[in-house]
């Protein structure tokens, strides 16, 4: 395996986020409540966490699979929390055009 650099990790994360959030925002336009948007964002965060885990679990290392899963999900949830906050601020402006 070739080591994953910060640049390659950020590029993969950006591409994953770009794809998943375009789909999320298209679906979120149909949702009526903030709660529905939070549930949708949580589902996207979980999916992204599992995809991150799929990548990191194939790489050699000393961490256990449980540790890798935990860090993958924690990373995805943390990043998507920021995305959710930005989305909740921007979505009303986009809907009320």
N, C-alpha and C. Protein backbone atom coordinates (compact mmCIF):
# COMPACT_ATOMS: atom_id res chain seq x y z
N UNK A 1 0.83 -1.19 0.00
CA UNK A 1 0.00 0.00 0.00
C UNK A 1 0.87 1.25 0.00
N UNK A 2 0.44 2.22 -0.74
CA UNK A 2 1.09 3.51 -0.72
C UNK A 2 0.50 4.30 0.44
N UNK A 3 1.31 4.97 1.24
CA UNK A 3 0.77 5.70 2.39
C UNK A 3 -0.20 6.81 1.95
N UNK A 4 -1.25 6.96 2.73
CA UNK A 4 -2.20 8.03 2.45
C UNK A 4 -1.65 9.32 3.03
N UNK A 5 -1.51 10.30 2.18
CA UNK A 5 -1.00 11.60 2.63
C UNK A 5 -2.17 12.47 3.07
N UNK A 6 -1.86 13.55 3.71
CA UNK A 6 -2.91 14.49 4.11
C UNK A 6 -3.63 15.00 2.87
N UNK A 7 -2.87 15.28 1.84
CA UNK A 7 -3.46 15.79 0.60
C UNK A 7 -4.43 14.78 -0.02
N UNK A 8 -4.02 13.50 -0.10
CA UNK A 8 -4.91 12.50 -0.70
C UNK A 8 -6.12 12.23 0.18
N UNK A 9 -5.94 12.25 1.50
CA UNK A 9 -7.07 12.04 2.41
C UNK A 9 -8.07 13.18 2.29
N UNK A 10 -7.58 14.42 2.25
CA UNK A 10 -8.48 15.56 2.11
C UNK A 10 -9.18 15.56 0.76
N UNK A 11 -8.48 15.16 -0.28
CA UNK A 11 -9.10 15.09 -1.61
C UNK A 11 -10.22 14.06 -1.63
N UNK A 12 -9.96 12.87 -1.08
CA UNK A 12 -11.00 11.84 -1.03
C UNK A 12 -12.19 12.30 -0.19
N UNK A 13 -11.92 12.90 0.96
CA UNK A 13 -13.01 13.38 1.82
C UNK A 13 -13.82 14.46 1.13
N UNK A 14 -13.15 15.36 0.44
CA UNK A 14 -13.85 16.43 -0.27
C UNK A 14 -14.75 15.87 -1.36
N UNK A 15 -14.23 14.92 -2.15
CA UNK A 15 -15.03 14.33 -3.21
C UNK A 15 -16.23 13.57 -2.66
N UNK A 16 -16.02 12.83 -1.59
CA UNK A 16 -17.11 12.10 -0.95
C UNK A 16 -18.18 13.07 -0.45
N UNK A 17 -17.74 14.13 0.21
CA UNK A 17 -18.66 15.13 0.75
C UNK A 17 -19.39 15.85 -0.37
N UNK A 18 -18.70 16.16 -1.44
CA UNK A 18 -19.31 16.85 -2.58
C UNK A 18 -20.45 16.03 -3.18
N UNK A 19 -20.23 14.74 -3.33
CA UNK A 19 -21.25 13.86 -3.90
C UNK A 19 -22.42 13.67 -2.93
N UNK A 20 -22.11 13.33 -1.68
CA UNK A 20 -23.18 13.01 -0.74
C UNK A 20 -24.02 14.23 -0.39
N UNK A 21 -23.41 15.39 -0.30
CA UNK A 21 -24.17 16.57 0.09
C UNK A 21 -24.98 17.17 -1.04
N UNK A 22 -24.56 16.96 -2.25
CA UNK A 22 -25.42 17.39 -3.37
C UNK A 22 -26.73 16.59 -3.32
N UNK A 23 -26.61 15.29 -3.09
CA UNK A 23 -27.82 14.46 -2.99
C UNK A 23 -28.65 14.84 -1.77
N UNK A 24 -27.98 15.11 -0.66
CA UNK A 24 -28.69 15.50 0.56
C UNK A 24 -29.46 16.80 0.34
N UNK A 25 -28.83 17.79 -0.25
CA UNK A 25 -29.49 19.08 -0.42
C UNK A 25 -30.66 18.98 -1.38
N UNK A 26 -30.54 18.14 -2.40
CA UNK A 26 -31.69 17.93 -3.30
C UNK A 26 -32.86 17.30 -2.55
N UNK A 27 -32.57 16.33 -1.72
CA UNK A 27 -33.63 15.68 -0.94
C UNK A 27 -34.19 16.62 0.12
N UNK A 28 -33.33 17.42 0.74
CA UNK A 28 -33.75 18.29 1.84
C UNK A 28 -34.72 19.37 1.38
N UNK A 29 -34.73 19.71 0.12
CA UNK A 29 -35.68 20.71 -0.38
C UNK A 29 -37.12 20.23 -0.21
N UNK A 30 -37.31 18.91 -0.12
CA UNK A 30 -38.65 18.35 0.04
C UNK A 30 -39.08 18.25 1.50
N UNK A 31 -38.14 18.44 2.42
CA UNK A 31 -38.45 18.29 3.84
C UNK A 31 -39.05 19.57 4.40
N UNK A 32 -40.02 19.39 5.30
CA UNK A 32 -40.72 20.53 5.87
C UNK A 32 -40.14 21.01 7.18
N UNK A 33 -39.47 20.14 7.91
CA UNK A 33 -39.02 20.52 9.24
C UNK A 33 -37.51 20.40 9.40
N UNK A 34 -37.01 21.11 10.38
CA UNK A 34 -35.59 21.04 10.71
C UNK A 34 -35.24 19.64 11.19
N UNK A 35 -36.14 19.00 11.92
CA UNK A 35 -35.90 17.64 12.41
C UNK A 35 -35.64 16.66 11.28
N UNK A 36 -36.40 16.78 10.19
CA UNK A 36 -36.20 15.90 9.04
C UNK A 36 -34.82 16.13 8.42
N UNK A 37 -34.40 17.39 8.39
CA UNK A 37 -33.08 17.71 7.83
C UNK A 37 -31.97 17.17 8.72
N UNK A 38 -32.17 17.22 10.03
CA UNK A 38 -31.17 16.69 10.96
C UNK A 38 -31.04 15.18 10.80
N UNK A 39 -32.17 14.49 10.65
CA UNK A 39 -32.14 13.04 10.44
C UNK A 39 -31.43 12.72 9.12
N UNK A 40 -31.71 13.47 8.07
CA UNK A 40 -31.05 13.24 6.79
C UNK A 40 -29.55 13.47 6.90
N UNK A 41 -29.14 14.52 7.59
CA UNK A 41 -27.71 14.82 7.77
C UNK A 41 -27.04 13.72 8.59
N UNK A 42 -27.74 13.20 9.59
CA UNK A 42 -27.19 12.11 10.40
C UNK A 42 -26.98 10.87 9.55
N UNK A 43 -27.92 10.57 8.67
CA UNK A 43 -27.78 9.42 7.77
C UNK A 43 -26.58 9.59 6.84
N UNK A 44 -26.41 10.81 6.31
CA UNK A 44 -25.26 11.08 5.44
C UNK A 44 -23.96 10.93 6.22
N UNK A 45 -23.92 11.44 7.45
CA UNK A 45 -22.71 11.33 8.29
C UNK A 45 -22.37 9.86 8.53
N UNK A 46 -23.38 9.05 8.82
CA UNK A 46 -23.15 7.62 9.05
C UNK A 46 -22.61 6.95 7.79
N UNK A 47 -23.22 7.25 6.65
CA UNK A 47 -22.76 6.68 5.38
C UNK A 47 -21.32 7.08 5.10
N UNK A 48 -21.01 8.36 5.29
CA UNK A 48 -19.64 8.82 5.05
C UNK A 48 -18.67 8.15 6.03
N UNK A 49 -19.07 8.00 7.28
CA UNK A 49 -18.23 7.32 8.26
C UNK A 49 -17.94 5.89 7.86
N UNK A 50 -18.93 5.20 7.34
CA UNK A 50 -18.74 3.82 6.91
C UNK A 50 -17.82 3.75 5.68
N UNK A 51 -17.94 4.72 4.79
CA UNK A 51 -17.06 4.74 3.62
C UNK A 51 -15.62 5.07 4.03
N UNK A 52 -15.45 5.99 4.98
CA UNK A 52 -14.12 6.27 5.50
C UNK A 52 -13.55 5.00 6.13
N UNK A 53 -14.36 4.30 6.91
CA UNK A 53 -13.93 3.05 7.54
C UNK A 53 -13.52 2.02 6.50
N UNK A 54 -14.28 1.93 5.41
CA UNK A 54 -13.94 0.97 4.36
C UNK A 54 -12.55 1.25 3.79
N UNK A 55 -12.20 2.52 3.67
CA UNK A 55 -10.88 2.87 3.15
C UNK A 55 -9.80 2.57 4.19
N UNK A 56 -9.98 3.04 5.43
CA UNK A 56 -8.92 2.89 6.43
C UNK A 56 -8.77 1.45 6.91
N UNK A 57 -9.82 0.65 6.84
CA UNK A 57 -9.70 -0.73 7.31
C UNK A 57 -8.86 -1.59 6.37
N UNK A 58 -8.69 -1.16 5.13
CA UNK A 58 -7.89 -1.91 4.17
C UNK A 58 -6.41 -1.56 4.26
N UNK A 59 -6.08 -0.54 5.01
CA UNK A 59 -4.69 -0.11 5.13
C UNK A 59 -4.04 -0.79 6.32
N UNK A 60 -2.76 -1.11 6.21
CA UNK A 60 -2.07 -1.75 7.34
C UNK A 60 -1.93 -0.78 8.51
N UNK A 61 -1.96 -1.30 9.70
CA UNK A 61 -1.80 -0.48 10.89
C UNK A 61 -1.98 -1.32 12.14
N UNK A 62 -1.70 -0.72 13.28
CA UNK A 62 -1.78 -1.46 14.54
C UNK A 62 -3.11 -1.24 15.26
N UNK A 63 -3.93 -0.30 14.81
CA UNK A 63 -5.20 -0.04 15.47
C UNK A 63 -6.18 -1.19 15.22
N UNK A 64 -7.03 -1.41 16.20
CA UNK A 64 -8.05 -2.46 16.03
C UNK A 64 -9.13 -1.96 15.08
N UNK A 65 -9.92 -2.89 14.56
CA UNK A 65 -11.03 -2.51 13.66
C UNK A 65 -12.05 -1.65 14.40
N UNK A 66 -12.28 -1.95 15.67
CA UNK A 66 -13.23 -1.16 16.46
C UNK A 66 -12.73 0.27 16.61
N UNK A 67 -11.43 0.42 16.88
CA UNK A 67 -10.84 1.75 16.99
C UNK A 67 -10.97 2.51 15.68
N UNK A 68 -10.67 1.85 14.59
CA UNK A 68 -10.78 2.50 13.27
C UNK A 68 -12.22 2.88 12.97
N UNK A 69 -13.16 2.01 13.30
CA UNK A 69 -14.57 2.31 13.09
C UNK A 69 -14.99 3.52 13.92
N UNK A 70 -14.59 3.53 15.19
CA UNK A 70 -14.94 4.65 16.07
C UNK A 70 -14.40 5.97 15.56
N UNK A 71 -13.13 5.99 15.17
CA UNK A 71 -12.54 7.24 14.67
C UNK A 71 -13.15 7.65 13.33
N UNK A 72 -13.48 6.68 12.49
CA UNK A 72 -14.11 6.99 11.21
C UNK A 72 -15.46 7.65 11.41
N UNK A 73 -16.27 7.06 12.29
CA UNK A 73 -17.60 7.64 12.55
C UNK A 73 -17.49 8.99 13.26
N UNK A 74 -16.59 9.10 14.22
CA UNK A 74 -16.41 10.35 14.94
C UNK A 74 -15.97 11.47 13.99
N UNK A 75 -15.07 11.16 13.09
CA UNK A 75 -14.62 12.15 12.12
C UNK A 75 -15.78 12.60 11.23
N UNK A 76 -16.53 11.65 10.71
CA UNK A 76 -17.65 11.99 9.83
C UNK A 76 -18.72 12.79 10.58
N UNK A 77 -19.02 12.41 11.80
CA UNK A 77 -20.03 13.14 12.58
C UNK A 77 -19.56 14.56 12.88
N UNK A 78 -18.29 14.71 13.24
CA UNK A 78 -17.76 16.04 13.54
C UNK A 78 -17.81 16.96 12.34
N UNK A 79 -17.37 16.48 11.21
CA UNK A 79 -17.36 17.30 10.00
C UNK A 79 -18.79 17.60 9.56
N UNK A 80 -19.67 16.63 9.66
CA UNK A 80 -21.04 16.84 9.23
C UNK A 80 -21.83 17.71 10.20
N UNK A 81 -21.43 17.78 11.46
CA UNK A 81 -22.07 18.72 12.37
C UNK A 81 -21.84 20.15 11.89
N UNK A 82 -20.63 20.43 11.49
CA UNK A 82 -20.33 21.75 10.93
C UNK A 82 -21.15 21.98 9.66
N UNK A 83 -21.21 20.99 8.81
CA UNK A 83 -21.99 21.09 7.58
C UNK A 83 -23.47 21.32 7.89
N UNK A 84 -23.98 20.63 8.90
CA UNK A 84 -25.38 20.80 9.28
C UNK A 84 -25.65 22.23 9.74
N UNK A 85 -24.78 22.76 10.55
CA UNK A 85 -24.97 24.13 11.03
C UNK A 85 -24.98 25.13 9.87
N UNK A 86 -24.06 24.95 8.95
CA UNK A 86 -24.03 25.83 7.77
C UNK A 86 -25.30 25.64 6.94
N UNK A 87 -25.71 24.39 6.76
CA UNK A 87 -26.92 24.11 5.99
C UNK A 87 -28.17 24.69 6.62
N UNK A 88 -28.29 24.60 7.95
CA UNK A 88 -29.47 25.15 8.61
C UNK A 88 -29.52 26.67 8.50
N UNK A 89 -28.38 27.29 8.39
CA UNK A 89 -28.34 28.74 8.21
C UNK A 89 -28.68 29.11 6.76
N UNK A 90 -28.16 28.35 5.81
CA UNK A 90 -28.33 28.69 4.40
C UNK A 90 -29.62 28.18 3.77
N UNK A 91 -30.14 27.06 4.24
CA UNK A 91 -31.30 26.43 3.61
C UNK A 91 -32.53 27.34 3.55
N UNK A 92 -32.90 28.03 4.63
CA UNK A 92 -34.09 28.89 4.54
C UNK A 92 -33.95 29.97 3.44
N UNK A 93 -32.76 30.51 3.29
CA UNK A 93 -32.54 31.52 2.26
C UNK A 93 -32.70 30.90 0.87
N UNK A 94 -32.28 29.66 0.71
CA UNK A 94 -32.39 29.00 -0.59
C UNK A 94 -33.84 28.62 -0.91
N UNK A 95 -34.58 28.23 0.11
CA UNK A 95 -35.96 27.80 -0.09
C UNK A 95 -36.86 28.99 -0.39
N UNK A 96 -36.58 30.13 0.23
CA UNK A 96 -37.45 31.30 0.11
C UNK A 96 -37.10 32.19 -1.07
N UNK A 97 -36.43 31.68 -2.05
CA UNK A 97 -36.10 32.48 -3.26
C UNK A 97 -37.31 32.82 -4.03
